[in-house]
């Protein structure tokens, strides 16, 4: 499956930081946290935002490392 904007929602917002939740019930976690999965939301995401991901086979929290017009890169929190 592919990213659907309706599955991305804001949980909290303050001072330019947004905490998101993404529900991807049909996508494996590795696909959801891959580069450009969130490309269609690039205009809403900002580097430093966090996304709580719930996928078909697990969950993870990732940080937006890069968000520009053509690219969204996320990184797992360590």
N, C-alpha and C. Protein backbone atom coordinates (compact mmCIF):
# COMPACT_ATOMS: atom_id res chain seq x y z
N UNK A 1 0.85 -1.18 0.00
CA UNK A 1 0.00 0.00 0.00
C UNK A 1 0.89 1.24 0.00
N UNK A 2 0.28 2.36 -0.15
CA UNK A 2 1.00 3.62 -0.17
C UNK A 2 0.48 4.53 0.94
N UNK A 3 1.24 5.56 1.21
CA UNK A 3 0.86 6.54 2.22
C UNK A 3 -0.47 7.18 1.85
N UNK A 4 -1.33 7.36 2.85
CA UNK A 4 -2.60 8.08 2.67
C UNK A 4 -2.64 9.20 3.71
N UNK A 5 -2.76 10.43 3.25
CA UNK A 5 -2.73 11.59 4.15
C UNK A 5 -3.78 11.50 5.25
N UNK A 6 -4.90 10.85 4.98
CA UNK A 6 -5.96 10.73 6.01
C UNK A 6 -5.51 9.90 7.20
N UNK A 7 -4.42 9.13 7.05
CA UNK A 7 -3.90 8.30 8.14
C UNK A 7 -2.83 9.00 8.98
N UNK A 8 -2.54 10.26 8.66
CA UNK A 8 -1.55 11.04 9.40
C UNK A 8 -2.29 12.13 10.18
N UNK A 9 -2.11 12.14 11.48
CA UNK A 9 -2.82 13.14 12.29
C UNK A 9 -1.89 13.77 13.32
N UNK A 10 -2.20 15.02 13.66
CA UNK A 10 -1.43 15.76 14.64
C UNK A 10 -1.87 15.37 16.05
N UNK A 11 -0.91 15.04 16.89
CA UNK A 11 -1.19 14.76 18.30
C UNK A 11 -0.91 15.97 19.17
N UNK A 12 0.15 16.71 18.81
CA UNK A 12 0.52 17.91 19.59
C UNK A 12 1.35 18.82 18.70
N UNK A 13 1.22 20.12 18.98
CA UNK A 13 1.97 21.12 18.21
C UNK A 13 2.35 22.25 19.15
N UNK A 14 3.62 22.67 19.10
CA UNK A 14 4.07 23.81 19.90
C UNK A 14 5.40 24.32 19.35
N UNK A 15 5.51 25.63 19.23
CA UNK A 15 6.76 26.29 18.86
C UNK A 15 7.41 25.71 17.61
N UNK A 16 6.61 25.38 16.62
CA UNK A 16 7.15 24.86 15.37
C UNK A 16 7.45 23.38 15.35
N UNK A 17 7.17 22.69 16.46
CA UNK A 17 7.37 21.25 16.55
C UNK A 17 6.01 20.56 16.49
N UNK A 18 5.93 19.45 15.74
CA UNK A 18 4.69 18.69 15.67
C UNK A 18 4.96 17.23 16.01
N UNK A 19 4.10 16.67 16.84
CA UNK A 19 4.10 15.24 17.14
C UNK A 19 2.95 14.64 16.34
N UNK A 20 3.27 13.69 15.49
CA UNK A 20 2.30 13.09 14.58
C UNK A 20 2.03 11.64 14.95
N UNK A 21 0.90 11.11 14.49
CA UNK A 21 0.64 9.68 14.52
C UNK A 21 0.26 9.27 13.11
N UNK A 22 0.86 8.18 12.64
CA UNK A 22 0.53 7.64 11.34
C UNK A 22 0.05 6.21 11.52
N UNK A 23 -1.16 5.94 11.09
CA UNK A 23 -1.72 4.59 11.12
C UNK A 23 -1.60 4.01 9.72
N UNK A 24 -0.84 2.93 9.60
CA UNK A 24 -0.62 2.28 8.30
C UNK A 24 -0.91 0.79 8.46
N UNK A 25 -2.18 0.41 8.61
CA UNK A 25 -2.53 -0.95 8.97
C UNK A 25 -2.21 -2.01 7.93
N UNK A 26 -1.99 -1.63 6.69
CA UNK A 26 -1.70 -2.61 5.64
C UNK A 26 -0.25 -2.60 5.19
N UNK A 27 0.55 -1.67 5.72
CA UNK A 27 1.95 -1.55 5.30
C UNK A 27 2.88 -2.10 6.38
N UNK A 28 3.94 -2.82 5.97
CA UNK A 28 4.93 -3.28 6.94
C UNK A 28 5.74 -2.09 7.48
N UNK A 29 6.22 -2.21 8.69
CA UNK A 29 6.94 -1.11 9.34
C UNK A 29 8.16 -0.67 8.52
N UNK A 30 8.86 -1.61 7.91
CA UNK A 30 10.04 -1.23 7.12
C UNK A 30 9.69 -0.34 5.94
N UNK A 31 8.53 -0.54 5.34
CA UNK A 31 8.10 0.32 4.23
C UNK A 31 7.73 1.71 4.74
N UNK A 32 7.06 1.77 5.88
CA UNK A 32 6.59 3.05 6.41
C UNK A 32 7.75 3.95 6.82
N UNK A 33 8.81 3.37 7.34
CA UNK A 33 9.93 4.20 7.79
C UNK A 33 11.02 4.35 6.72
N UNK A 34 10.72 3.97 5.49
CA UNK A 34 11.69 4.13 4.41
C UNK A 34 11.63 5.56 3.86
N UNK A 35 12.69 5.96 3.18
CA UNK A 35 12.75 7.29 2.58
C UNK A 35 11.58 7.49 1.62
N UNK A 36 10.99 8.64 1.69
CA UNK A 36 9.93 9.11 0.81
C UNK A 36 8.57 8.44 0.99
N UNK A 37 8.39 7.60 2.00
CA UNK A 37 7.04 7.08 2.26
C UNK A 37 6.10 8.25 2.52
N UNK A 38 6.58 9.26 3.23
CA UNK A 38 5.76 10.42 3.60
C UNK A 38 5.87 11.57 2.59
N UNK A 39 6.36 11.33 1.39
CA UNK A 39 6.57 12.40 0.40
C UNK A 39 5.31 13.23 0.15
N UNK A 40 4.15 12.62 0.12
CA UNK A 40 2.92 13.37 -0.14
C UNK A 40 2.54 14.31 1.00
N UNK A 41 3.20 14.18 2.14
CA UNK A 41 2.97 15.07 3.28
C UNK A 41 4.14 16.03 3.49
N UNK A 42 5.04 16.12 2.53
CA UNK A 42 6.25 16.93 2.67
C UNK A 42 5.94 18.38 3.02
N UNK A 43 4.83 18.90 2.53
CA UNK A 43 4.50 20.30 2.81
C UNK A 43 3.98 20.51 4.23
N UNK A 44 3.70 19.43 4.95
CA UNK A 44 3.22 19.54 6.34
C UNK A 44 4.30 19.21 7.36
N UNK A 45 5.30 18.45 6.94
CA UNK A 45 6.34 17.98 7.86
C UNK A 45 7.53 18.94 7.90
N UNK A 46 8.20 18.97 9.05
CA UNK A 46 9.38 19.80 9.25
C UNK A 46 10.46 18.96 9.91
N UNK A 47 11.70 19.17 9.53
CA UNK A 47 12.80 18.46 10.18
C UNK A 47 12.71 18.67 11.69
N UNK A 48 12.83 17.60 12.43
CA UNK A 48 12.72 17.64 13.88
C UNK A 48 11.37 17.17 14.40
N UNK A 49 10.36 17.11 13.54
CA UNK A 49 9.08 16.55 13.94
C UNK A 49 9.26 15.08 14.30
N UNK A 50 8.38 14.57 15.14
CA UNK A 50 8.36 13.15 15.47
C UNK A 50 7.08 12.53 14.95
N UNK A 51 7.20 11.28 14.47
CA UNK A 51 6.04 10.54 13.98
C UNK A 51 5.97 9.21 14.72
N UNK A 52 4.86 9.00 15.40
CA UNK A 52 4.58 7.70 16.01
C UNK A 52 3.89 6.87 14.94
N UNK A 53 4.52 5.76 14.55
CA UNK A 53 4.02 4.95 13.46
C UNK A 53 3.43 3.66 14.01
N UNK A 54 2.20 3.35 13.58
CA UNK A 54 1.58 2.07 13.88
C UNK A 54 1.37 1.38 12.54
N UNK A 55 2.09 0.29 12.31
CA UNK A 55 2.05 -0.40 11.02
C UNK A 55 1.47 -1.81 11.20
N UNK A 56 1.41 -2.55 10.10
CA UNK A 56 0.81 -3.87 10.11
C UNK A 56 1.55 -4.85 11.03
N UNK A 57 2.85 -4.67 11.15
CA UNK A 57 3.63 -5.64 11.92
C UNK A 57 4.47 -5.00 13.02
N UNK A 58 4.05 -3.87 13.52
CA UNK A 58 4.79 -3.25 14.61
C UNK A 58 4.58 -1.76 14.69
N UNK A 59 5.34 -1.16 15.58
CA UNK A 59 5.24 0.28 15.81
C UNK A 59 6.64 0.84 16.04
N UNK A 60 6.79 2.13 15.77
CA UNK A 60 8.09 2.78 15.94
C UNK A 60 7.87 4.28 16.02
N UNK A 61 8.79 4.97 16.67
CA UNK A 61 8.80 6.43 16.66
C UNK A 61 10.00 6.86 15.84
N UNK A 62 9.75 7.73 14.87
CA UNK A 62 10.82 8.21 14.00
C UNK A 62 10.85 9.73 14.02
N UNK A 63 12.02 10.27 13.73
CA UNK A 63 12.19 11.72 13.62
C UNK A 63 12.30 12.07 12.14
N UNK A 64 11.71 13.19 11.77
CA UNK A 64 11.85 13.68 10.40
C UNK A 64 13.24 14.32 10.30
N UNK A 65 14.10 13.74 9.48
CA UNK A 65 15.46 14.26 9.32
C UNK A 65 15.52 15.30 8.21
N UNK A 66 14.69 15.13 7.18
CA UNK A 66 14.67 16.04 6.04
C UNK A 66 13.27 16.07 5.47
N UNK A 67 12.76 17.25 5.21
CA UNK A 67 11.46 17.39 4.56
C UNK A 67 11.54 18.59 3.62
N UNK A 68 11.61 18.30 2.33
CA UNK A 68 11.54 19.38 1.35
C UNK A 68 10.51 19.01 0.30
N UNK A 69 10.43 19.75 -0.76
CA UNK A 69 9.34 19.57 -1.72
C UNK A 69 9.30 18.18 -2.36
N UNK A 70 10.44 17.54 -2.52
CA UNK A 70 10.50 16.24 -3.19
C UNK A 70 10.94 15.08 -2.32
N UNK A 71 11.40 15.35 -1.11
CA UNK A 71 12.02 14.31 -0.31
C UNK A 71 11.61 14.41 1.15
N UNK A 72 11.29 13.25 1.72
CA UNK A 72 11.10 13.16 3.17
C UNK A 72 11.92 11.98 3.65
N UNK A 73 12.82 12.25 4.57
CA UNK A 73 13.67 11.21 5.15
C UNK A 73 13.38 11.18 6.64
N UNK A 74 13.14 9.96 7.16
CA UNK A 74 12.93 9.80 8.60
C UNK A 74 14.04 8.92 9.17
N UNK A 75 14.30 9.07 10.44
CA UNK A 75 15.34 8.31 11.12
C UNK A 75 14.80 7.76 12.41
N UNK A 76 15.12 6.52 12.70
CA UNK A 76 14.68 5.89 13.94
C UNK A 76 15.32 6.56 15.13
N UNK A 77 14.58 6.66 16.22
CA UNK A 77 15.15 7.20 17.45
C UNK A 77 15.98 6.12 18.11
N UNK A 78 17.10 6.51 18.67
CA UNK A 78 18.00 5.55 19.31
C UNK A 78 17.90 5.68 20.80
